[in-house]
Amino acid sequence: QLQLVESGGGLVQPGGSLRLSCAASGFTLDRYVVSWWRQAPGKEREGVAVINDGIRTKYSDAVKGRFTVSRDSAKNTVYLQMDALKPEDTAVYYCNAQRGTENYWGQGTQVTVSS
């Protein structure tokens, strides 16, 4: 079964950190462009970070300098390290893997930044 599973969300205070994981099963994640998206209540889903099938990365202006996306090929997983979190980072975070016409989404993980 081909699927992506996110994990690592939770409740964190402003200024804190979380690391989200996006683990793939049934396919090799290294061969895909992987992106992280988020959706806050009442807002559209927005892209926050992407890592291509090499090591190039790109970030939205809202998270640049605070979030880092990386791969662990041995674990078939992509991570999103989130530092200096702000209340406006509160959202459900999703990962997406794309290659040609193949497109997979995870189920999402909730991140809440609040004191």
C-alpha atoms as a PDB file:
ATOM      1  CA  GLN A   1       0.000   0.000   0.000  1.00  0.00           C
ATOM      2  CA  LEU A   2       1.386   3.370  -1.034  1.00  0.00           C
ATOM      3  CA  GLN A   3       1.038   5.957   1.688  1.00  0.00           C
ATOM      4  CA  LEU A   4       2.561   8.885   3.539  1.00  0.00           C
ATOM      5  CA  VAL A   5       2.229   9.225   7.293  1.00  0.00           C
ATOM      6  CA  GLU A   6       2.983  12.429   9.165  1.00  0.00           C
ATOM      7  CA  SER A   7       3.842  12.530  12.847  1.00  0.00           C
ATOM      8  CA  GLY A   8       5.415  14.803  15.423  1.00  0.00           C
ATOM      9  CA  GLY A   9       2.738  17.441  15.853  1.00  0.00           C
ATOM     10  CA  GLY A  10       1.572  18.688  19.221  1.00  0.00           C
ATOM     11  CA  LEU A  11       1.196  21.649  21.536  1.00  0.00           C
ATOM     12  CA  VAL A  12       4.210  23.918  21.995  1.00  0.00           C
ATOM     13  CA  GLN A  13       4.769  27.337  23.536  1.00  0.00           C
ATOM     14  CA  PRO A  14       5.743  30.336  21.392  1.00  0.00           C
ATOM     15  CA  GLY A  15       9.462  30.241  20.689  1.00  0.00           C
ATOM     16  CA  GLY A  16       9.565  26.461  20.979  1.00  0.00           C
ATOM     17  CA  SER A  17      10.454  23.786  18.453  1.00  0.00           C
ATOM     18  CA  LEU A  18       8.899  20.712  16.898  1.00  0.00           C
ATOM     19  CA  ARG A  19      10.119  18.226  14.309  1.00  0.00           C
ATOM     20  CA  LEU A  20       7.554  16.754  11.947  1.00  0.00           C
ATOM     21  CA  SER A  21       8.179  13.495  10.121  1.00  0.00           C
ATOM     22  CA  CYS A  22       6.769  12.318   6.804  1.00  0.00           C
ATOM     23  CA  ALA A  23       7.361   8.608   6.360  1.00  0.00           C
ATOM     24  CA  ALA A  24       6.640   6.815   3.100  1.00  0.00           C
ATOM     25  CA  SER A  25       5.664   3.192   2.627  1.00  0.00           C
ATOM     26  CA  GLY A  26       5.373   1.341  -0.653  1.00  0.00           C
ATOM     27  CA  PHE A  27       7.616   3.725  -2.592  1.00  0.00           C
ATOM     28  CA  THR A  28      11.043   5.363  -2.361  1.00  0.00           C
ATOM     29  CA  LEU A  29      10.707   8.931  -1.200  1.00  0.00           C
ATOM     30  CA  ASP A  30      14.121   9.971  -2.553  1.00  0.00           C
ATOM     31  CA  ARG A  31      12.720   9.848  -6.076  1.00  0.00           C
ATOM     32  CA  TYR A  32       9.986  12.366  -5.323  1.00  0.00           C
ATOM     33  CA  VAL A  33       9.695  16.090  -4.781  1.00  0.00           C
ATOM     34  CA  VAL A  34       8.382  16.397  -1.238  1.00  0.00           C
ATOM     35  CA  SER A  35       6.613  19.453   0.078  1.00  0.00           C
ATOM     36  CA  TRP A  36       5.099  20.505   3.369  1.00  0.00           C
ATOM     37  CA  TRP A  37       1.813  22.381   3.467  1.00  0.00           C
ATOM     38  CA  ARG A  38      -0.340  23.722   6.249  1.00  0.00           C
ATOM     39  CA  GLN A  39      -3.949  24.723   6.687  1.00  0.00           C
ATOM     40  CA  ALA A  40      -5.227  26.883   9.505  1.00  0.00           C
ATOM     41  CA  PRO A  41      -8.935  27.040  10.397  1.00  0.00           C
ATOM     42  CA  GLY A  42     -10.822  29.152   7.894  1.00  0.00           C
ATOM     43  CA  LYS A  43      -7.811  29.563   5.622  1.00  0.00           C
ATOM     44  CA  GLU A  44      -6.619  27.968   2.404  1.00  0.00           C
ATOM     45  CA  ARG A  45      -3.864  25.368   2.407  1.00  0.00           C
ATOM     46  CA  GLU A  46      -0.487  27.013   1.857  1.00  0.00           C
ATOM     47  CA  GLY A  47       2.893  25.598   0.931  1.00  0.00           C
ATOM     48  CA  VAL A  48       5.671  26.169   3.463  1.00  0.00           C
ATOM     49  CA  ALA A  49       8.673  24.139   2.294  1.00  0.00           C
ATOM     50  CA  VAL A  50       9.820  21.875  -0.520  1.00  0.00           C
ATOM     51  CA  ILE A  51      12.800  19.603  -1.113  1.00  0.00           C
ATOM     52  CA  ASN A  52      13.447  18.323  -4.598  1.00  0.00           C
ATOM     53  CA  ASP A  53      14.770  14.927  -5.608  1.00  0.00           C
ATOM     54  CA  GLY A  54      18.263  16.176  -4.852  1.00  0.00           C
ATOM     55  CA  ILE A  55      18.910  18.427  -1.915  1.00  0.00           C
ATOM     56  CA  ARG A  56      17.626  21.785  -3.090  1.00  0.00           C
ATOM     57  CA  THR A  57      15.131  23.384  -0.733  1.00  0.00           C
ATOM     58  CA  LYS A  58      12.771  26.327  -0.857  1.00  0.00           C
ATOM     59  CA  TYR A  59      10.683  28.018   1.830  1.00  0.00           C
ATOM     60  CA  SER A  60       7.785  30.403   2.042  1.00  0.00           C
ATOM     61  CA  ASP A  61       8.569  33.878   3.323  1.00  0.00           C
ATOM     62  CA  ALA A  62       6.486  33.149   6.433  1.00  0.00           C
ATOM     63  CA  VAL A  63       8.825  30.379   7.622  1.00  0.00           C
ATOM     64  CA  LYS A  64      12.180  31.198   5.986  1.00  0.00           C
ATOM     65  CA  GLY A  65      14.965  31.152   8.532  1.00  0.00           C
ATOM     66  CA  ARG A  66      12.884  29.247  11.087  1.00  0.00           C
ATOM     67  CA  PHE A  67      11.941  25.978   9.345  1.00  0.00           C
ATOM     68  CA  THR A  68      14.302  23.433   7.787  1.00  0.00           C
ATOM     69  CA  VAL A  69      13.310  20.540   5.510  1.00  0.00           C
ATOM     70  CA  SER A  70      15.609  17.530   5.149  1.00  0.00           C
ATOM     71  CA  ARG A  71      15.690  13.897   4.016  1.00  0.00           C
ATOM     72  CA  ASP A  72      16.800  10.679   5.668  1.00  0.00           C
ATOM     73  CA  SER A  73      17.100   8.186   2.842  1.00  0.00           C
ATOM     74  CA  ALA A  74      17.789   5.240   5.141  1.00  0.00           C
ATOM     75  CA  LYS A  75      14.492   5.841   6.934  1.00  0.00           C
ATOM     76  CA  ASN A  76      12.574   6.800   3.764  1.00  0.00           C
ATOM     77  CA  THR A  77      11.473   9.911   5.627  1.00  0.00           C
ATOM     78  CA  VAL A  78      11.416  13.668   5.155  1.00  0.00           C
ATOM     79  CA  TYR A  79      11.525  15.973   8.171  1.00  0.00           C
ATOM     80  CA  LEU A  80      10.376  19.503   8.864  1.00  0.00           C
ATOM     81  CA  GLN A  81      12.303  21.057  11.738  1.00  0.00           C
ATOM     82  CA  MET A  82      10.328  24.015  13.058  1.00  0.00           C
ATOM     83  CA  ASP A  83      12.078  26.482  15.379  1.00  0.00           C
ATOM     84  CA  ALA A  84      11.064  29.823  16.876  1.00  0.00           C
ATOM     85  CA  LEU A  85       7.425  28.843  16.501  1.00  0.00           C
ATOM     86  CA  LYS A  86       4.767  31.536  16.542  1.00  0.00           C
ATOM     87  CA  PRO A  87       1.041  31.345  17.284  1.00  0.00           C
ATOM     88  CA  GLU A  88       0.383  32.005  13.593  1.00  0.00           C
ATOM     89  CA  ASP A  89       2.137  28.716  12.769  1.00  0.00           C
ATOM     90  CA  THR A  90      -0.841  26.889  14.297  1.00  0.00           C
ATOM     91  CA  ALA A  91      -2.327  24.640  11.601  1.00  0.00           C
ATOM     92  CA  VAL A  92      -2.690  21.092  10.373  1.00  0.00           C
ATOM     93  CA  TYR A  93       0.527  20.216   8.551  1.00  0.00           C
ATOM     94  CA  TYR A  94       0.529  17.902   5.540  1.00  0.00           C
ATOM     95  CA  CYS A  95       3.275  16.393   3.455  1.00  0.00           C
ATOM     96  CA  ASN A  96       2.992  15.737  -0.260  1.00  0.00           C
ATOM     97  CA  ALA A  97       5.141  13.604  -2.565  1.00  0.00           C
ATOM     98  CA  GLN A  98       5.023  14.191  -6.287  1.00  0.00           C
ATOM     99  CA  ARG A  99       6.713  12.673  -9.320  1.00  0.00           C
ATOM    100  CA  GLY A 100       5.211  13.079 -12.776  1.00  0.00           C
ATOM    101  CA  THR A 101       1.528  12.156 -12.482  1.00  0.00           C
ATOM    102  CA  GLU A 102       2.017  10.473  -9.102  1.00  0.00           C
ATOM    103  CA  ASN A 103       0.797  12.575  -6.211  1.00  0.00           C
ATOM    104  CA  TYR A 104       0.449  11.406  -2.599  1.00  0.00           C
ATOM    105  CA  TRP A 105      -0.802  13.226   0.503  1.00  0.00           C
ATOM    106  CA  GLY A 106      -0.515  12.302   4.150  1.00  0.00           C
ATOM    107  CA  GLN A 107      -3.383  12.558   6.612  1.00  0.00           C
ATOM    108  CA  GLY A 108      -1.984  15.604   8.424  1.00  0.00           C
ATOM    109  CA  THR A 109      -0.696  16.340  11.908  1.00  0.00           C
ATOM    110  CA  GLN A 110      -1.912  19.142  14.169  1.00  0.00           C
ATOM    111  CA  VAL A 111       0.536  21.787  15.372  1.00  0.00           C
ATOM    112  CA  THR A 112      -0.691  24.221  18.016  1.00  0.00           C
ATOM    113  CA  VAL A 113       1.482  27.095  19.230  1.00  0.00           C
ATOM    114  CA  SER A 114       0.047  28.635  22.362  1.00  0.00           C
ATOM    115  CA  SER A 115       1.021  29.712  25.853  1.00  0.00           C
END
